[in-house]
N, C-alpha and C. Protein backbone atom coordinates (compact mmCIF):
# COMPACT_ATOMS: atom_id res chain seq x y z
N MET A 1 99.69 106.19 99.80
CA MET A 1 100.71 105.58 100.52
C MET A 1 101.53 106.46 101.19
N ASN A 2 101.91 105.91 102.58
CA ASN A 2 102.41 106.78 103.64
C ASN A 2 104.01 106.28 103.35
N THR A 3 104.59 107.45 102.32
CA THR A 3 106.16 107.72 102.37
C THR A 3 106.90 107.35 103.20
N LYS A 4 106.41 107.97 104.56
CA LYS A 4 107.57 107.70 105.70
C LYS A 4 107.48 106.57 106.02
N GLU A 5 106.51 105.78 106.29
CA GLU A 5 106.45 104.17 106.77
C GLU A 5 107.16 103.44 105.57
N LYS A 6 106.93 103.72 104.36
CA LYS A 6 107.27 102.78 103.37
C LYS A 6 109.02 103.26 103.21
N SER A 7 109.34 104.13 103.34
CA SER A 7 111.00 104.36 103.35
C SER A 7 111.96 104.30 104.24
N ARG A 8 111.10 103.58 105.68
CA ARG A 8 111.82 103.33 106.89
C ARG A 8 112.75 102.07 106.58
N THR A 9 114.06 101.88 107.07
CA THR A 9 114.84 100.97 107.01
C THR A 9 115.17 100.23 108.15
N HIS A 10 114.84 101.35 109.45
CA HIS A 10 115.22 100.95 110.80
C HIS A 10 114.15 100.60 111.49
N LEU A 11 114.08 99.69 112.51
CA LEU A 11 112.81 99.84 113.36
C LEU A 11 113.30 100.77 114.89
N ASN A 12 112.30 101.18 115.16
CA ASN A 12 112.60 102.01 116.63
C ASN A 12 112.76 101.14 117.83
N GLN A 13 112.73 101.41 118.80
CA GLN A 13 112.84 100.95 120.10
C GLN A 13 111.73 100.21 120.39
N LYS A 14 110.57 100.61 120.40
CA LYS A 14 109.33 100.21 120.63
C LYS A 14 109.21 98.89 120.01
N GLU A 15 109.28 99.14 118.59
CA GLU A 15 109.01 98.06 117.57
C GLU A 15 109.89 96.70 117.86
N ILE A 16 111.11 97.09 118.39
CA ILE A 16 112.06 95.75 118.68
C ILE A 16 111.75 95.23 119.77
N VAL A 17 111.16 96.07 120.51
CA VAL A 17 110.67 95.21 121.96
C VAL A 17 109.34 94.41 121.80
N ASP A 18 108.41 95.11 120.66
CA ASP A 18 107.19 94.43 120.28
C ASP A 18 107.73 93.01 119.77
N LEU A 19 108.50 93.26 118.64
CA LEU A 19 108.98 92.23 118.11
C LEU A 19 109.23 91.01 118.90
N MET A 20 110.49 91.57 119.76
CA MET A 20 111.04 90.50 120.61
C MET A 20 109.81 89.78 121.57
N SER A 21 108.49 90.27 121.71
CA SER A 21 107.59 89.71 122.55
C SER A 21 106.88 88.88 121.96
N LEU A 22 106.59 89.12 120.66
CA LEU A 22 105.79 88.44 119.47
C LEU A 22 106.61 87.21 119.26
N PHE A 23 107.87 87.16 118.94
CA PHE A 23 108.32 86.01 118.45
C PHE A 23 108.62 85.30 119.76
N SER A 24 108.54 85.68 120.97
CA SER A 24 108.61 84.43 122.07
C SER A 24 107.09 84.03 122.06
N LYS A 25 106.14 85.12 122.19
CA LYS A 25 104.78 84.07 121.77
C LYS A 25 104.44 83.18 120.75
N ILE A 26 105.21 83.28 119.68
CA ILE A 26 104.94 82.41 118.74
C ILE A 26 105.60 81.49 118.69
N LYS A 27 106.71 81.14 119.38
CA LYS A 27 107.63 80.20 119.78
C LYS A 27 107.12 79.27 120.96
N LEU A 28 105.96 79.89 121.82
CA LEU A 28 105.41 79.33 122.64
C LEU A 28 104.05 78.47 122.42
N ASP A 29 103.71 79.20 121.65
CA ASP A 29 102.42 78.78 120.86
C ASP A 29 102.65 77.39 119.85
N LEU A 30 103.80 77.47 119.33
CA LEU A 30 104.07 76.37 118.69
C LEU A 30 105.00 75.32 119.22
N SER A 31 105.09 75.51 120.37
CA SER A 31 106.13 74.62 121.22
C SER A 31 105.19 73.66 121.81
N ASP A 32 105.15 72.31 121.39
CA ASP A 32 104.19 71.39 122.17
C ASP A 32 104.71 69.77 122.05
N ASP A 33 104.70 69.00 122.54
CA ASP A 33 105.32 67.67 122.60
C ASP A 33 104.69 66.94 121.37
N SER A 34 103.52 67.24 121.28
CA SER A 34 102.62 66.97 119.87
C SER A 34 102.40 68.06 118.94
N PHE A 35 101.53 67.58 118.36
CA PHE A 35 100.92 69.13 117.12
C PHE A 35 100.29 70.01 117.69
N PRO A 36 100.73 71.21 117.70
CA PRO A 36 100.20 72.46 118.40
C PRO A 36 98.45 72.47 118.09
N THR A 37 97.76 72.58 119.09
CA THR A 37 96.08 72.74 118.94
C THR A 37 95.73 74.02 117.90
N ARG A 38 94.75 73.75 117.54
CA ARG A 38 94.07 74.78 116.44
C ARG A 38 94.08 76.12 117.10
N THR A 39 93.83 76.37 118.38
CA THR A 39 93.97 77.76 118.86
C THR A 39 95.46 78.03 118.91
N ASN A 40 96.13 77.18 119.30
CA ASN A 40 97.59 77.72 119.31
C ASN A 40 98.16 78.09 118.16
N ARG A 41 97.72 77.54 116.93
CA ARG A 41 98.27 77.58 115.69
C ARG A 41 97.61 79.25 115.10
N LEU A 42 96.15 78.98 115.22
CA LEU A 42 95.90 80.54 115.30
C LEU A 42 96.38 81.82 115.99
N GLU A 43 96.63 81.76 117.15
CA GLU A 43 97.29 82.75 117.79
C GLU A 43 98.84 82.99 117.38
N ALA A 44 99.49 82.07 116.84
CA ALA A 44 100.45 81.98 116.36
C ALA A 44 100.44 82.91 115.12
N VAL A 45 99.57 82.52 114.38
CA VAL A 45 99.41 83.19 112.92
C VAL A 45 98.83 84.77 113.34
N GLU A 46 98.30 85.16 114.39
CA GLU A 46 97.72 86.28 114.62
C GLU A 46 99.27 87.01 114.98
N ASN A 47 99.99 86.58 116.04
CA ASN A 47 100.83 87.03 116.40
C ASN A 47 102.28 87.44 114.81
N MET A 48 102.21 86.29 113.99
CA MET A 48 103.03 86.51 112.86
C MET A 48 102.47 87.85 112.02
N ALA A 49 101.27 87.82 111.80
CA ALA A 49 100.63 89.02 111.04
C ALA A 49 100.74 90.33 111.91
N LYS A 50 100.91 90.43 112.87
CA LYS A 50 101.44 91.37 113.45
C LYS A 50 103.17 91.89 113.41
N VAL A 51 103.47 90.74 113.44
CA VAL A 51 105.14 90.93 112.84
C VAL A 51 105.13 91.63 111.35
N LEU A 52 104.33 91.30 110.49
CA LEU A 52 103.99 91.80 109.20
C LEU A 52 103.93 93.35 109.05
N GLU A 53 102.89 93.54 110.13
CA GLU A 53 102.46 94.90 110.19
C GLU A 53 103.55 95.70 110.46
N ILE A 54 104.24 95.11 111.41
CA ILE A 54 105.42 96.10 112.09
C ILE A 54 106.39 96.60 110.75
N HIS A 55 106.51 95.65 109.88
CA HIS A 55 107.46 95.80 108.61
C HIS A 55 106.98 96.37 107.54
N GLY A 56 105.27 97.03 108.08
CA GLY A 56 104.74 97.70 107.06
C GLY A 56 103.89 97.03 105.93
N TRP A 57 103.30 95.75 106.08
CA TRP A 57 102.74 95.16 105.37
C TRP A 57 101.45 95.26 105.60
N THR A 58 100.04 95.08 104.94
CA THR A 58 98.93 94.84 105.07
C THR A 58 98.23 93.59 105.55
N VAL A 59 97.59 93.15 106.40
CA VAL A 59 96.89 91.90 106.73
C VAL A 59 95.53 92.05 106.86
N ILE A 60 94.99 91.20 106.12
CA ILE A 60 93.27 91.43 106.34
C ILE A 60 93.09 89.72 107.27
N ARG A 61 92.38 90.24 108.08
CA ARG A 61 91.96 89.07 109.11
C ARG A 61 90.52 88.46 108.86
N ASP A 62 90.26 87.58 108.87
CA ASP A 62 88.82 87.06 108.86
C ASP A 62 88.32 86.56 110.15
N PRO A 63 87.04 87.87 110.18
CA PRO A 63 86.33 87.88 111.46
C PRO A 63 85.29 86.75 112.04
N LEU A 64 85.77 85.71 110.73
CA LEU A 64 84.60 84.13 111.13
C LEU A 64 85.53 83.48 111.64
N ILE A 65 86.96 83.36 111.99
CA ILE A 65 87.68 82.47 112.62
C ILE A 65 87.28 82.69 114.10
N SER A 66 86.66 82.13 115.15
CA SER A 66 86.72 82.26 116.46
C SER A 66 87.91 81.23 116.97
N GLU A 67 88.37 81.91 118.33
CA GLU A 67 89.67 80.86 118.69
C GLU A 67 89.42 81.30 120.47
N GLU A 68 89.93 79.79 121.38
CA GLU A 68 89.76 79.91 122.45
C GLU A 68 91.31 80.60 123.19
N PRO A 69 91.38 80.73 124.28
CA PRO A 69 92.64 81.45 124.64
C PRO A 69 93.75 80.43 124.14
N SER A 70 95.12 81.14 123.80
CA SER A 70 95.92 79.88 123.19
C SER A 70 96.87 79.89 124.44
N LYS A 71 98.10 79.06 124.27
CA LYS A 71 99.11 78.74 125.26
C LYS A 71 99.69 79.95 125.63
N SER A 72 100.19 80.99 125.27
CA SER A 72 100.65 82.00 125.47
C SER A 72 99.94 83.24 126.26
N VAL A 73 98.51 83.16 125.60
CA VAL A 73 97.35 83.99 126.58
C VAL A 73 97.35 83.44 127.73
N ARG A 74 97.17 82.25 127.76
CA ARG A 74 96.70 81.30 129.16
C ARG A 74 98.09 81.56 130.18
N GLU A 75 99.20 82.07 129.53
CA GLU A 75 100.31 81.83 130.21
C GLU A 75 100.77 83.15 130.82
N GLY A 76 100.06 84.15 130.05
CA GLY A 76 100.06 85.67 130.44
C GLY A 76 101.42 86.23 129.69
N GLN A 77 101.77 85.64 128.40
CA GLN A 77 102.60 86.31 127.81
C GLN A 77 102.31 87.25 126.87
């Protein structure tokens, strides 16, 4: 166990910038007049996983799930 990471209670500046970017991407991928596409939903989940990792969580990704570029990737965010 990495005690240094587990005992931290504050985010550094890079983590704050990364989180703001991830939150924007998550909102964009889930914003749609209709139900968001599978690709956009998977991209949002991937970005949510990154948010969890910044907060010290361990995330297991399924390598069998393939995805096309999401809305946030297509729009360059």
